[in-house]
Amino acid sequence: MPQGFLALVGGKVKQIMGIATSAGATDAGKIPALDSAGKIDMSMMPAGIGANTKIAPAFEALGAGKFVNLFSDAGTLKARLADNSNNRPAHGFVLAAVASAANATIYPLDVANTALTGLTLGADYWLGTAGDVTLTPLDATDVANVNKVNQMLGTATSATELRTDDYSFQIL
């Protein structure tokens, strides 16, 4: 719950509450309050400061931790599940679940995906199907892998965190 402070306004003592998010210029001069995670909301930060993310509508429902493919849908950038089986390389991931058509906050590769489970510490992971990861890279000599995406995503730094990198990928 945001905390307030007492101020003398028009000759009377009034309690002023901090705000947890900003609507922009209309909130100029107001005192910020920390959000439920104990952090300052990104809406209060100047342009260029904060998480390196991209907002795009979800083409389909996206689960937390899923890797996504960015694409043009009739000229509109959208996010869908990355998938090694149908030529959809991963361009980033989402940390929170998003309903179809809702705006998704997409984190680029090169940062940690902390919304995964069941990872093996120190193991390398590749793009799997439906936005998931797999321990097994695709075998380029297997004819069943023709036209599939072989993309390393990163290394597990815990059971729930994959430190991603922007490795190049290849279509087999």
Protein backbone atom coordinates (compact mmCIF):
# COMPACT_ATOMS: atom_id res chain seq x y z
CA MET A 1 0.00 0.00 0.00
CA PRO A 2 1.50 3.36 -0.97
CA GLN A 3 2.55 5.57 1.88
CA GLY A 4 1.72 9.21 2.09
CA PHE A 5 3.06 12.35 3.65
CA LEU A 6 1.49 15.39 5.21
CA ALA A 7 1.58 18.71 3.37
CA LEU A 8 0.13 22.15 3.95
CA VAL A 9 -2.23 22.75 0.99
CA GLY A 10 -4.27 25.96 0.91
CA GLY A 11 -3.63 26.51 4.61
CA LYS A 12 -4.87 23.04 5.59
CA VAL A 13 -2.95 19.87 6.43
CA LYS A 14 -3.62 17.23 3.79
CA GLN A 15 -2.28 13.70 3.33
CA ILE A 16 -0.67 13.24 -0.12
CA MET A 17 -0.20 9.70 -1.39
CA GLY A 18 2.64 8.54 -3.63
CA ILE A 19 1.80 7.09 -7.05
CA ALA A 20 3.00 3.68 -8.23
CA THR A 21 2.63 4.34 -11.99
CA SER A 22 2.76 7.45 -14.11
CA ALA A 23 0.42 8.69 -16.83
CA GLY A 24 3.11 11.09 -18.04
CA ALA A 25 3.03 14.89 -17.87
CA THR A 26 -0.25 14.93 -15.91
CA ASP A 27 1.64 13.35 -12.99
CA ALA A 28 4.49 15.91 -13.03
CA GLY A 29 5.58 16.89 -9.53
CA LYS A 30 4.01 13.92 -7.78
CA ILE A 31 5.98 11.72 -5.37
CA PRO A 32 6.66 8.16 -6.64
CA ALA A 33 5.84 5.07 -4.59
CA LEU A 34 7.45 1.65 -5.00
CA ASP A 35 5.36 -1.09 -6.63
CA SER A 36 4.45 -4.47 -5.09
CA ALA A 37 7.93 -5.79 -5.96
CA GLY A 38 9.59 -2.88 -4.15
CA LYS A 39 10.73 -1.26 -7.40
CA ILE A 40 9.97 1.90 -9.34
CA ASP A 41 7.54 1.25 -12.19
CA MET A 42 9.03 1.64 -15.68
CA SER A 43 6.32 4.22 -16.52
CA MET A 44 8.23 6.64 -14.27
CA MET A 45 11.57 6.23 -15.98
CA PRO A 46 12.86 8.49 -18.76
CA ALA A 47 13.14 7.15 -22.31
CA GLY A 48 16.18 4.89 -22.70
CA ILE A 49 16.30 3.90 -19.01
CA GLY A 50 14.90 0.56 -17.92
CA ALA A 51 14.42 -2.92 -19.29
CA ASN A 52 15.24 -3.44 -22.94
CA THR A 53 11.85 -4.75 -24.03
CA LYS A 54 9.51 -4.60 -26.99
CA ILE A 55 5.72 -4.44 -26.71
CA ALA A 56 3.77 -6.31 -29.39
CA PRO A 57 0.32 -7.89 -29.61
CA ALA A 58 0.26 -11.64 -29.04
CA PHE A 59 -0.87 -13.55 -32.13
CA GLU A 60 -1.78 -16.46 -29.85
CA ALA A 61 -1.80 -17.15 -26.11
CA LEU A 62 1.75 -17.09 -24.72
CA GLY A 63 2.69 -18.81 -21.47
CA ALA A 64 5.18 -17.38 -18.98
CA GLY A 65 8.75 -18.20 -19.97
CA LYS A 66 7.88 -19.11 -23.57
CA PHE A 67 10.21 -18.11 -26.39
CA VAL A 68 8.59 -16.02 -29.10
CA ASN A 69 9.01 -15.28 -32.78
CA LEU A 70 8.34 -11.74 -34.00
CA PHE A 71 6.67 -11.41 -37.41
CA SER A 72 4.64 -9.06 -39.58
CA ASP A 73 0.91 -9.76 -39.66
CA ALA A 74 -0.42 -7.52 -42.47
CA GLY A 75 2.16 -4.88 -41.55
CA THR A 76 1.70 -5.11 -37.77
CA LEU A 77 4.49 -6.55 -35.60
CA LYS A 78 3.13 -9.47 -33.58
CA ALA A 79 4.53 -12.19 -31.31
CA ARG A 80 3.85 -15.91 -31.64
CA LEU A 81 5.41 -19.03 -30.15
CA ALA A 82 8.88 -19.76 -31.52
CA ASP A 83 9.09 -23.29 -32.90
CA ASN A 84 12.01 -25.24 -34.34
CA SER A 85 9.68 -27.40 -36.45
CA ASN A 86 8.12 -24.67 -38.58
CA ASN A 87 10.81 -22.07 -39.30
CA ARG A 88 10.01 -19.75 -36.38
CA PRO A 89 13.31 -18.84 -34.70
CA ALA A 90 13.24 -17.26 -31.24
CA HIS A 91 13.70 -13.49 -31.15
CA GLY A 92 12.97 -13.19 -27.41
CA PHE A 93 10.73 -14.45 -24.62
CA VAL A 94 7.93 -13.38 -22.29
CA LEU A 95 8.14 -13.55 -18.51
CA ALA A 96 4.39 -13.30 -17.93
CA ALA A 97 1.54 -15.15 -19.61
CA VAL A 98 -0.33 -13.14 -22.25
CA ALA A 99 -3.75 -13.79 -23.79
CA SER A 100 -4.16 -13.79 -27.55
CA ALA A 101 -4.44 -10.22 -28.94
CA ALA A 102 -3.21 -8.69 -25.63
CA ASN A 103 0.05 -6.73 -25.56
CA ALA A 104 3.08 -8.86 -24.68
CA THR A 105 6.26 -7.52 -23.10
CA ILE A 106 9.04 -9.26 -25.01
CA TYR A 107 12.54 -9.54 -23.59
CA PRO A 108 15.34 -9.93 -26.14
CA LEU A 109 17.82 -12.76 -26.17
CA ASP A 110 20.99 -11.79 -24.23
CA VAL A 111 19.21 -11.56 -20.86
CA ALA A 112 18.02 -14.16 -18.34
CA ASN A 113 14.68 -15.92 -18.79
CA THR A 114 13.68 -16.44 -15.14
CA ALA A 115 10.24 -17.93 -15.79
CA LEU A 116 11.28 -21.52 -16.58
CA THR A 117 11.26 -24.68 -14.47
CA GLY A 118 13.04 -28.03 -14.44
CA LEU A 119 16.30 -26.86 -16.01
CA THR A 120 19.58 -28.67 -15.36
CA LEU A 121 22.21 -26.34 -13.92
CA GLY A 122 25.03 -25.75 -16.40
CA ALA A 123 23.28 -27.48 -19.31
CA ASP A 124 22.94 -25.85 -22.72
CA TYR A 125 19.44 -25.52 -24.18
CA TRP A 126 18.12 -25.22 -27.74
CA LEU A 127 14.81 -24.07 -29.17
CA GLY A 128 12.16 -26.78 -29.05
CA THR A 129 8.55 -26.66 -30.22
CA ALA A 130 5.71 -24.38 -29.08
CA GLY A 131 8.05 -21.89 -27.37
CA ASP A 132 9.75 -24.52 -25.21
CA VAL A 133 13.40 -25.46 -24.83
CA THR A 134 15.15 -28.79 -25.30
CA LEU A 135 18.47 -30.24 -24.19
CA THR A 136 19.02 -31.81 -27.60
CA PRO A 137 20.19 -29.87 -30.66
CA LEU A 138 18.82 -30.98 -34.01
CA ASP A 139 20.95 -33.45 -35.97
CA ALA A 140 21.82 -31.89 -39.34
CA THR A 141 22.36 -35.37 -40.85
CA ASP A 142 18.82 -36.52 -40.01
CA VAL A 143 16.55 -35.98 -43.05
CA ALA A 144 13.58 -35.55 -40.69
CA ASN A 145 15.13 -32.22 -39.63
CA VAL A 146 15.14 -30.63 -43.09
CA ASN A 147 13.74 -27.07 -42.94
CA LYS A 148 13.78 -27.04 -39.13
CA VAL A 149 15.46 -24.33 -37.02
CA ASN A 150 18.53 -25.37 -35.02
CA GLN A 151 19.01 -22.54 -32.49
CA MET A 152 20.97 -22.61 -29.26
CA LEU A 153 19.29 -20.36 -26.69
CA GLY A 154 21.59 -20.41 -23.68
CA THR A 155 22.86 -22.07 -20.53
CA ALA A 156 20.91 -22.82 -17.34
CA THR A 157 22.25 -20.90 -14.34
CA SER A 158 19.67 -22.50 -12.02
CA ALA A 159 16.63 -24.79 -12.24
CA THR A 160 14.49 -21.77 -13.15
CA GLU A 161 16.85 -19.45 -15.04
CA LEU A 162 18.24 -19.69 -18.56
CA ARG A 163 20.93 -17.14 -19.39
CA THR A 164 20.15 -16.56 -23.06
CA ASP A 165 22.42 -15.30 -25.78
CA ASP A 166 21.75 -14.15 -29.31
CA TYR A 167 23.39 -17.11 -31.01
CA SER A 168 23.01 -17.46 -34.73
CA PHE A 169 20.64 -20.15 -35.92
CA GLN A 170 20.50 -22.28 -39.00
CA ILE A 171 17.73 -23.76 -41.06
CA LEU A 172 18.65 -27.41 -41.64
